[in-house]
N, C-alpha and C. Protein backbone atom coordinates (compact mmCIF):
# COMPACT_ATOMS: atom_id res chain seq x y z
N MET A 1 -7.30 2.41 -7.33
CA MET A 1 -6.72 2.27 -6.03
C MET A 1 -5.40 1.81 -6.17
N THR A 2 -4.48 2.26 -5.23
CA THR A 2 -3.12 1.59 -5.35
C THR A 2 -2.89 0.66 -4.40
N LYS A 3 -3.67 0.49 -3.14
CA LYS A 3 -3.57 -0.53 -2.36
C LYS A 3 -4.85 -1.02 -1.76
N THR A 4 -4.92 -2.15 -1.10
CA THR A 4 -5.95 -2.76 -0.66
C THR A 4 -6.67 -1.66 0.40
N THR A 5 -7.93 -1.41 0.28
CA THR A 5 -8.51 -0.37 1.16
C THR A 5 -10.00 -0.53 1.16
N VAL A 6 -10.71 0.00 2.15
CA VAL A 6 -12.06 0.11 2.24
C VAL A 6 -12.54 1.53 1.81
N VAL A 7 -13.67 1.66 0.97
CA VAL A 7 -14.12 2.96 0.56
C VAL A 7 -15.18 3.35 1.70
N PRO A 8 -14.99 4.18 2.68
CA PRO A 8 -15.85 4.47 3.63
C PRO A 8 -16.95 5.51 3.30
N PHE A 9 -18.00 4.98 2.40
CA PHE A 9 -19.19 5.73 2.06
C PHE A 9 -19.88 6.33 3.23
N ASP A 10 -19.98 5.60 4.23
CA ASP A 10 -20.75 5.96 5.50
C ASP A 10 -20.19 7.11 6.15
N ALA A 11 -18.89 7.51 5.84
CA ALA A 11 -18.21 8.69 6.46
C ALA A 11 -18.46 10.00 5.72
N GLU A 12 -19.00 9.82 4.53
CA GLU A 12 -19.29 10.95 3.63
C GLU A 12 -20.67 11.50 3.88
N GLU A 13 -20.72 12.82 3.73
CA GLU A 13 -22.19 13.57 3.72
C GLU A 13 -22.76 13.32 2.38
N TRP A 14 -24.21 13.29 2.30
CA TRP A 14 -24.71 13.41 0.99
C TRP A 14 -24.59 14.76 0.57
N VAL A 15 -24.38 14.90 -0.85
CA VAL A 15 -24.33 16.24 -1.43
C VAL A 15 -25.26 16.31 -2.57
N GLU A 16 -25.94 17.27 -2.65
CA GLU A 16 -26.90 17.45 -3.85
C GLU A 16 -26.06 17.92 -5.10
N GLU A 17 -26.01 17.13 -6.18
CA GLU A 17 -25.32 17.36 -7.36
C GLU A 17 -26.17 18.23 -8.44
N ASN A 18 -27.27 17.88 -8.48
CA ASN A 18 -28.37 18.50 -9.32
C ASN A 18 -29.74 18.17 -8.59
N PRO A 19 -30.74 19.10 -8.80
CA PRO A 19 -31.96 18.79 -8.29
C PRO A 19 -32.49 17.38 -8.40
N GLY A 20 -32.67 16.60 -7.21
CA GLY A 20 -33.14 15.36 -7.18
C GLY A 20 -32.01 14.36 -7.37
N VAL A 21 -30.78 14.84 -7.51
CA VAL A 21 -29.56 13.90 -7.72
C VAL A 21 -28.70 14.18 -6.60
N ARG A 22 -28.34 13.16 -5.69
CA ARG A 22 -27.33 13.36 -4.47
C ARG A 22 -26.46 12.16 -4.53
N ALA A 23 -25.29 12.50 -3.93
CA ALA A 23 -24.25 11.51 -3.84
C ALA A 23 -23.33 11.59 -2.67
N GLN A 24 -22.99 10.40 -2.16
CA GLN A 24 -21.87 10.30 -1.06
C GLN A 24 -20.66 9.91 -2.04
N ALA A 25 -19.61 10.68 -2.04
CA ALA A 25 -18.49 10.40 -2.89
C ALA A 25 -17.14 10.56 -2.18
N ARG A 26 -16.31 9.83 -2.63
CA ARG A 26 -14.89 9.70 -2.04
C ARG A 26 -13.97 9.42 -3.38
N GLU A 27 -12.79 10.23 -3.27
CA GLU A 27 -11.59 10.09 -4.31
C GLU A 27 -10.58 9.20 -3.83
N ASP A 28 -9.99 8.43 -4.77
CA ASP A 28 -8.75 7.64 -4.41
C ASP A 28 -8.09 7.47 -5.78
N ALA A 29 -6.71 7.68 -5.66
CA ALA A 29 -5.79 7.50 -6.84
C ALA A 29 -6.42 8.06 -8.04
N GLY A 30 -7.11 9.11 -8.11
CA GLY A 30 -7.66 9.85 -9.33
C GLY A 30 -8.95 9.37 -9.72
N ASP A 31 -9.64 8.46 -9.04
CA ASP A 31 -10.95 7.94 -9.43
C ASP A 31 -11.85 8.35 -8.43
N ARG A 32 -13.09 8.71 -8.79
CA ARG A 32 -14.23 9.05 -7.78
C ARG A 32 -15.04 7.88 -7.58
N TRP A 33 -15.30 7.50 -6.42
CA TRP A 33 -16.19 6.39 -6.03
C TRP A 33 -17.45 6.97 -5.42
N ALA A 34 -18.73 6.60 -5.85
CA ALA A 34 -19.83 7.28 -5.25
C ALA A 34 -21.04 6.42 -5.18
N ILE A 35 -21.87 6.58 -4.16
CA ILE A 35 -23.22 6.12 -4.15
C ILE A 35 -24.11 7.22 -4.58
N VAL A 36 -24.86 7.09 -5.68
CA VAL A 36 -25.65 7.99 -6.33
C VAL A 36 -27.09 7.80 -6.25
N GLU A 37 -27.92 8.73 -5.84
CA GLU A 37 -29.33 8.49 -5.85
C GLU A 37 -29.96 9.48 -6.68
N TYR A 38 -30.86 8.94 -7.65
CA TYR A 38 -31.55 9.84 -8.48
C TYR A 38 -33.17 9.67 -8.07
N ALA A 39 -33.68 10.77 -7.71
CA ALA A 39 -35.11 10.76 -7.22
C ALA A 39 -35.91 10.48 -8.50
N ALA A 40 -37.23 9.82 -8.21
CA ALA A 40 -38.11 9.67 -9.45
C ALA A 40 -38.10 10.85 -10.35
N GLY A 41 -37.99 10.76 -11.65
CA GLY A 41 -38.03 11.82 -12.57
C GLY A 41 -36.87 12.70 -12.64
N ALA A 42 -35.83 12.50 -11.82
CA ALA A 42 -34.61 13.47 -11.78
C ALA A 42 -33.82 13.06 -12.95
N SER A 43 -33.06 14.03 -13.40
CA SER A 43 -32.04 13.82 -14.54
C SER A 43 -30.91 15.00 -14.31
N ARG A 44 -29.82 14.72 -15.02
CA ARG A 44 -28.78 15.67 -15.13
C ARG A 44 -28.87 16.36 -16.44
N PRO A 45 -28.72 17.72 -16.34
CA PRO A 45 -28.93 18.55 -17.46
C PRO A 45 -27.74 18.61 -18.52
N ASP A 46 -26.50 18.39 -17.93
CA ASP A 46 -25.19 18.60 -18.60
C ASP A 46 -24.77 17.14 -19.18
N TRP A 47 -24.00 17.39 -20.43
CA TRP A 47 -23.35 16.19 -20.88
C TRP A 47 -22.15 15.81 -20.23
N CYS A 48 -21.70 14.55 -20.03
CA CYS A 48 -20.45 14.22 -19.43
C CYS A 48 -19.61 13.31 -20.47
N ASP A 49 -18.25 13.64 -20.27
CA ASP A 49 -17.44 12.77 -21.00
C ASP A 49 -16.43 11.96 -20.28
N VAL A 50 -16.61 11.71 -19.05
CA VAL A 50 -15.92 10.96 -18.06
C VAL A 50 -16.35 9.55 -18.29
N ALA A 51 -15.41 8.40 -18.12
CA ALA A 51 -15.80 7.10 -18.12
C ALA A 51 -16.31 6.64 -16.82
N HIS A 52 -17.29 5.65 -16.87
CA HIS A 52 -17.77 5.33 -15.56
C HIS A 52 -18.05 3.75 -15.54
N HIS A 53 -17.83 3.20 -14.41
CA HIS A 53 -18.34 1.73 -14.09
C HIS A 53 -19.43 2.02 -13.23
N ILE A 54 -20.60 1.39 -13.50
CA ILE A 54 -21.97 1.61 -12.80
C ILE A 54 -22.62 0.26 -12.54
N TYR A 55 -23.10 0.16 -11.21
CA TYR A 55 -23.81 -0.89 -10.75
C TYR A 55 -25.13 -0.40 -10.22
N VAL A 56 -26.27 -0.77 -10.66
CA VAL A 56 -27.50 -0.41 -10.15
C VAL A 56 -27.87 -1.24 -8.97
N ILE A 57 -28.01 -0.59 -7.90
CA ILE A 57 -28.31 -1.37 -6.57
C ILE A 57 -29.94 -1.37 -6.53
N SER A 58 -30.67 -0.26 -6.97
CA SER A 58 -32.14 -0.45 -6.92
C SER A 58 -32.70 0.64 -7.98
N GLY A 59 -33.84 0.23 -8.49
CA GLY A 59 -34.41 1.12 -9.34
C GLY A 59 -33.97 0.99 -10.82
N GLU A 60 -34.03 2.09 -11.66
CA GLU A 60 -33.68 1.96 -13.05
C GLU A 60 -33.09 3.29 -13.33
N ILE A 61 -32.12 3.33 -14.34
CA ILE A 61 -31.42 4.40 -14.79
C ILE A 61 -31.24 4.38 -16.23
N GLU A 62 -31.51 5.51 -16.96
CA GLU A 62 -31.27 5.61 -18.29
C GLU A 62 -30.32 6.70 -18.65
N TYR A 63 -29.39 6.27 -19.48
CA TYR A 63 -28.25 7.28 -20.04
C TYR A 63 -28.62 7.62 -21.46
N ASP A 64 -28.81 8.97 -21.69
CA ASP A 64 -28.94 9.52 -23.11
C ASP A 64 -27.52 9.66 -23.57
N LEU A 65 -27.27 9.19 -24.84
CA LEU A 65 -26.02 9.29 -25.55
C LEU A 65 -26.08 10.57 -26.50
N LYS A 66 -24.99 11.35 -26.57
CA LYS A 66 -25.05 12.57 -27.40
C LYS A 66 -25.28 12.09 -28.87
N SER A 67 -24.79 10.88 -29.15
CA SER A 67 -24.99 10.36 -30.57
C SER A 67 -26.34 10.19 -30.91
N GLY A 68 -27.31 10.26 -29.93
CA GLY A 68 -28.67 9.91 -30.20
C GLY A 68 -29.22 8.53 -29.60
N GLY A 69 -28.38 7.78 -29.16
CA GLY A 69 -28.82 6.47 -28.48
C GLY A 69 -29.08 6.64 -27.08
N LYS A 70 -29.38 5.50 -26.41
CA LYS A 70 -29.49 5.44 -24.99
C LYS A 70 -29.39 4.04 -24.40
N VAL A 71 -28.93 3.94 -23.23
CA VAL A 71 -28.90 2.62 -22.52
C VAL A 71 -29.60 2.79 -21.28
N VAL A 72 -30.34 1.63 -20.95
CA VAL A 72 -31.01 1.50 -19.69
C VAL A 72 -30.56 0.31 -18.86
N ALA A 73 -30.29 0.60 -17.49
CA ALA A 73 -29.75 -0.54 -16.62
C ALA A 73 -30.78 -0.55 -15.51
N ARG A 74 -31.15 -1.71 -15.02
CA ARG A 74 -31.93 -1.99 -13.90
C ARG A 74 -31.31 -2.59 -12.57
N ALA A 75 -31.96 -2.56 -11.66
CA ALA A 75 -31.50 -3.12 -10.45
C ALA A 75 -30.61 -4.45 -10.75
N GLY A 76 -29.56 -4.68 -10.17
CA GLY A 76 -28.74 -5.99 -10.38
C GLY A 76 -27.99 -5.92 -11.72
N GLN A 77 -28.04 -4.88 -12.53
CA GLN A 77 -27.28 -4.81 -13.76
C GLN A 77 -26.12 -3.83 -13.60
N GLY A 78 -25.00 -4.02 -14.27
CA GLY A 78 -23.98 -2.93 -14.36
C GLY A 78 -23.81 -2.53 -15.81
N LEU A 79 -23.19 -1.40 -15.98
CA LEU A 79 -22.73 -0.97 -17.27
C LEU A 79 -21.56 -0.08 -17.23
N PHE A 80 -20.94 0.01 -18.48
CA PHE A 80 -19.81 0.89 -18.64
C PHE A 80 -20.03 1.95 -19.58
N LEU A 81 -19.91 3.24 -19.25
CA LEU A 81 -19.92 4.32 -20.04
C LEU A 81 -18.55 4.70 -20.46
N GLY A 82 -18.18 4.81 -21.73
CA GLY A 82 -16.91 5.11 -22.16
C GLY A 82 -16.90 6.64 -22.52
N THR A 83 -15.76 6.96 -22.97
CA THR A 83 -15.39 8.39 -23.32
C THR A 83 -15.61 8.63 -24.81
N ASP A 84 -16.21 7.63 -25.52
CA ASP A 84 -16.44 7.70 -27.06
C ASP A 84 -17.71 8.44 -27.25
N ASP A 85 -18.61 8.56 -26.32
CA ASP A 85 -19.83 9.25 -26.63
C ASP A 85 -20.40 9.91 -25.24
N GLU A 86 -20.48 11.22 -25.21
CA GLU A 86 -20.81 11.92 -24.10
C GLU A 86 -22.38 11.50 -23.73
N HIS A 87 -22.63 11.38 -22.33
CA HIS A 87 -23.78 10.95 -21.92
C HIS A 87 -24.38 11.77 -20.58
N ARG A 88 -25.66 11.54 -20.29
CA ARG A 88 -26.25 12.14 -19.26
C ARG A 88 -27.38 11.27 -18.58
N GLY A 89 -27.35 11.15 -17.33
CA GLY A 89 -28.27 10.15 -16.66
C GLY A 89 -29.56 10.79 -16.40
N ALA A 90 -30.66 9.93 -16.36
CA ALA A 90 -32.01 10.29 -15.96
C ALA A 90 -32.72 9.14 -15.49
N ASN A 91 -33.56 9.51 -14.45
CA ASN A 91 -34.41 8.33 -13.82
C ASN A 91 -35.82 8.79 -14.34
N ARG A 92 -36.28 7.98 -15.45
CA ARG A 92 -37.53 8.28 -15.83
C ARG A 92 -38.78 7.50 -15.37
N SER A 93 -38.33 6.77 -14.18
CA SER A 93 -39.31 5.81 -13.63
C SER A 93 -40.01 6.56 -12.43
N SER A 94 -41.05 5.97 -11.91
CA SER A 94 -41.68 6.42 -10.73
C SER A 94 -41.12 6.17 -9.42
N ALA A 95 -39.95 5.51 -9.39
CA ALA A 95 -39.30 5.09 -8.04
C ALA A 95 -37.86 5.57 -8.01
N PRO A 96 -37.24 5.84 -6.97
CA PRO A 96 -35.89 6.24 -6.85
C PRO A 96 -34.88 5.18 -7.37
N ALA A 97 -33.74 5.69 -7.88
CA ALA A 97 -32.70 4.75 -8.33
C ALA A 97 -31.32 4.96 -7.51
N ARG A 98 -30.74 3.92 -7.15
CA ARG A 98 -29.56 4.04 -6.28
C ARG A 98 -28.36 3.21 -7.09
N LEU A 99 -27.22 3.85 -7.36
CA LEU A 99 -26.15 3.45 -8.06
C LEU A 99 -24.99 3.39 -7.27
N VAL A 100 -23.92 2.52 -7.78
CA VAL A 100 -22.63 2.60 -7.28
C VAL A 100 -22.00 3.07 -8.53
N VAL A 101 -21.35 4.20 -8.50
CA VAL A 101 -20.69 4.75 -9.65
C VAL A 101 -19.00 4.95 -9.40
N ILE A 102 -18.30 4.40 -10.41
CA ILE A 102 -16.84 4.76 -10.35
C ILE A 102 -16.56 5.54 -11.52
N ASP A 103 -16.12 6.72 -11.23
CA ASP A 103 -15.63 7.75 -12.35
C ASP A 103 -14.24 7.52 -12.59
N LEU A 104 -13.65 6.95 -13.72
CA LEU A 104 -12.38 6.83 -13.96
C LEU A 104 -11.62 7.92 -14.42
N GLY A 105 -10.58 8.43 -13.61
CA GLY A 105 -9.81 9.51 -13.94
C GLY A 105 -10.55 10.77 -14.01
N ALA A 106 -11.50 10.86 -13.00
CA ALA A 106 -12.46 11.98 -13.19
C ALA A 106 -11.84 13.33 -12.75
N HIS A 107 -10.81 13.16 -11.89
CA HIS A 107 -10.27 14.48 -11.43
C HIS A 107 -8.68 14.46 -11.23
């Protein structure tokens, strides 16, 4: 962001990005800010190479790394996914997961 501002997520409609994955998203200065919800058992099928700052509001999210590793974050935790290893998110738990995601230079 280039100036002090509020990100009005509440003004955005929910958009289904994949089955069971929806987001309220807004772009500013080339970064995408989003509230993302993964339903229980939902996952993204495609690999991503965009860097993300993530904060888990509720639930648990797991990111598979193309190199073969994985990282798990739970409510109250944050994580950074870099561009050095492609990744894709999955909620393998029995409860929904809600995240704040900032995609750096995504568009």
